[in-house]
Protein backbone atom coordinates (compact mmCIF):
# COMPACT_ATOMS: atom_id res chain seq x y z
CA MET A 1 -13.23 -0.82 -4.80
CA VAL A 2 -9.79 -2.38 -4.74
CA LEU A 3 -7.05 -1.15 -2.40
CA LEU A 4 -3.50 -2.35 -3.13
CA ALA A 5 -1.21 -2.15 -0.09
CA PRO A 6 -3.28 0.73 1.29
CA ALA A 7 -2.58 2.90 4.25
CA PRO A 8 -4.76 2.13 7.24
CA ALA A 9 -7.71 4.31 8.17
CA LEU A 10 -6.30 4.66 11.68
CA PRO A 11 -2.58 5.47 11.80
CA ALA A 12 -0.56 2.61 13.27
CA ALA A 13 1.24 3.15 16.56
CA ALA A 14 4.58 3.06 14.69
CA VAL A 15 3.71 6.30 12.87
CA THR A 16 5.51 8.62 15.27
CA GLU A 17 6.83 12.08 14.48
CA GLN A 18 10.36 10.63 14.15
CA TYR A 19 9.12 7.90 11.80
CA ARG A 20 7.40 10.53 9.64
CA GLN A 21 10.52 12.71 9.54
CA ASP A 22 12.68 9.74 8.54
CA LEU A 23 10.17 8.63 5.90
CA SER A 24 10.07 12.13 4.40
CA HIS A 25 13.66 11.60 3.19
CA ALA A 26 13.07 8.29 1.39
CA TYR A 27 12.76 10.08 -1.96
CA ASP A 28 15.50 12.68 -1.65
CA SER A 29 17.92 11.15 -4.18
CA PRO A 30 18.41 8.16 -6.46
CA ALA A 31 20.41 6.52 -3.66
CA SER A 32 17.67 7.01 -1.06
CA VAL A 33 14.99 5.69 -3.43
CA GLY A 34 17.19 2.70 -4.22
CA HIS A 35 17.69 2.03 -0.53
CA ALA A 36 13.92 2.21 0.07
CA LEU A 37 13.31 -0.18 -2.83
CA ASP A 38 15.90 -2.68 -1.68
CA HIS A 39 15.28 -2.59 2.07
CA VAL A 40 11.70 -1.43 2.63
CA LEU A 41 9.41 -1.48 -0.37
CA THR A 42 10.10 -4.82 -2.03
CA ALA A 43 10.63 -8.41 -0.99
CA VAL A 44 11.64 -9.68 -4.43
CA ALA A 45 14.17 -8.35 -6.92
CA MET A 46 12.76 -6.36 -9.79
CA PRO A 47 14.20 -6.33 -13.30
CA GLN A 48 16.73 -3.51 -13.63
CA ALA A 49 14.62 -1.61 -16.18
CA VAL A 50 11.63 -1.63 -13.80
CA ARG A 51 13.80 -0.60 -10.87
CA ASP A 52 15.29 2.26 -12.90
CA ALA A 53 11.79 3.42 -13.88
CA VAL A 54 10.65 3.39 -10.24
CA VAL A 55 13.64 5.48 -9.19
CA ARG A 56 13.13 7.92 -12.07
CA ASP A 57 9.37 8.24 -11.47
CA SER A 58 9.82 8.60 -7.72
CA LEU A 59 12.06 11.61 -8.24
CA ALA A 60 9.98 13.22 -11.01
CA THR A 61 7.61 15.06 -8.67
CA SER A 62 8.15 18.20 -6.64
CA GLY A 63 9.66 18.03 -3.18
CA ASP A 64 6.35 19.10 -1.65
CA ALA A 65 4.55 16.24 -3.37
CA ARG A 66 7.16 13.74 -2.13
CA THR A 67 6.85 14.87 1.49
CA GLU A 68 3.10 15.50 1.77
CA TRP A 69 2.27 11.87 2.53
CA PRO A 70 5.00 11.12 5.08
CA LEU A 71 4.76 14.42 6.93
CA ARG A 72 0.98 14.81 7.00
CA GLY A 73 -1.17 12.28 5.17
CA ILE A 74 0.13 9.16 6.89
CA ALA A 75 -0.86 10.52 10.32
CA GLN A 76 -4.49 11.34 9.47
CA ASP A 77 -7.27 9.39 11.12
CA ILE A 78 -9.86 8.76 8.41
CA THR A 79 -11.87 6.11 10.25
CA LYS A 80 -15.04 8.22 10.13
CA GLU A 81 -14.81 8.51 6.35
CA ALA A 82 -13.86 4.84 5.91
CA ARG A 83 -16.97 3.72 7.80
CA ARG A 84 -19.11 5.43 5.15
CA ILE A 85 -17.85 3.20 2.31
CA GLU A 86 -20.86 1.27 1.06
CA THR A 87 -19.38 -0.75 -1.78
CA PRO A 88 -17.53 -4.08 -1.60
CA VAL A 89 -13.83 -3.53 -1.00
CA ALA A 90 -10.94 -5.88 -1.75
CA VAL A 91 -7.75 -5.15 0.16
CA LEU A 92 -4.57 -6.74 -1.19
CA ALA A 93 -1.58 -6.86 1.12
CA GLY A 94 1.92 -8.16 0.56
CA GLU A 95 2.93 -10.90 2.96
CA HIS A 96 6.27 -9.19 3.64
CA ASP A 97 5.09 -5.58 3.33
CA LYS A 98 7.16 -3.49 5.76
CA VAL A 99 5.25 -0.29 4.99
CA GLU A 100 1.69 -1.52 5.61
CA PRO A 101 1.99 -5.04 7.04
CA PRO A 102 -1.06 -7.31 6.88
CA THR A 103 -1.29 -7.27 10.68
CA VAL A 104 -1.58 -3.47 10.68
CA LEU A 105 -4.23 -3.55 7.96
CA ARG A 106 -6.24 -6.16 9.89
CA GLU A 107 -6.10 -3.98 13.00
CA CYS A 108 -6.21 -0.43 11.62
CA LEU A 109 -8.16 -0.70 8.34
CA LEU A 110 -10.51 -3.68 8.10
CA PRO A 111 -12.55 -2.83 11.23
CA TYR A 112 -13.39 0.56 9.73
CA VAL A 113 -14.40 -0.52 6.21
CA PRO A 114 -17.74 -2.33 6.51
CA HIS A 115 -17.60 -4.45 3.35
CA ALA A 116 -13.87 -5.16 3.14
CA THR A 117 -12.12 -8.47 2.68
CA MET A 118 -8.37 -8.91 2.59
CA THR A 119 -6.14 -11.16 0.53
CA THR A 120 -2.50 -11.53 1.48
CA VAL A 121 -0.24 -12.06 -1.53
CA PRO A 122 2.55 -14.46 -0.55
CA GLY A 123 6.22 -13.65 -0.82
CA VAL A 124 5.98 -9.96 -1.76
CA GLY A 125 6.34 -6.54 -0.20
CA HIS A 126 4.62 -3.19 -0.71
CA LEU A 127 4.85 -2.81 -4.49
CA LEU A 128 2.34 -5.54 -5.36
CA PRO A 129 1.74 -4.70 -9.05
CA LEU A 130 5.48 -4.69 -9.72
CA GLU A 131 6.38 -7.70 -7.58
CA ALA A 132 3.46 -10.01 -8.35
CA PRO A 133 1.36 -8.76 -11.28
CA GLU A 134 -0.14 -12.20 -11.96
CA SER A 135 -1.21 -12.64 -8.33
CA VAL A 136 -2.76 -9.17 -8.31
CA ALA A 137 -4.64 -9.92 -11.55
CA THR A 138 -5.90 -13.23 -10.14
CA ALA A 139 -7.04 -11.62 -6.89
CA LEU A 140 -8.83 -8.87 -8.83
CA GLY A 141 -10.55 -11.43 -11.03
CA ASP A 142 -11.63 -13.46 -8.00
CA PHE A 143 -13.00 -10.33 -6.32
CA LEU A 144 -14.93 -9.27 -9.41
CA THR A 145 -16.38 -12.76 -9.78
CA THR A 146 -17.53 -12.66 -6.15
CA VAL A 147 -19.06 -9.21 -6.56
CA LYS A 148 -20.82 -10.21 -9.77
CA ALA A 149 -22.22 -13.37 -8.13
CA ALA A 150 -23.46 -11.37 -5.13
CA THR A 151 -25.20 -8.80 -7.32
CA SER A 152 -26.82 -11.52 -9.46
CA GLU A 153 -28.55 -13.11 -6.49
């Protein structure tokens, strides 16, 4: 299993009711999505066509779908379920991720996933596949090589 910039199994202390309310408005309009992209989600500039697609896709869902995660999902404690994962897990985190920082994942995710390892991708934020596709591909290849070697023994 590969988790790219995942949410932690145990909600971080920063996930307060006010934080969740504020986050629920990140996808209200093209301007709010743009602000989230520029100030929260990314650490590197994306090509304009990619940025436009992210804004368009972010607004293409229903309002309920856009608010489900920030208002409810983000605050769920799924540590019990995470402990039951029996397969190798690669966690990829962006070095400058403001949404799910590597320190939060080390504290609130890795202890609950028995077979997890984490790779921090340098210089990027939360949108790993858009910010560093080559680094993500390399990390996935390295993980698969490790898993294959372990299962061949």
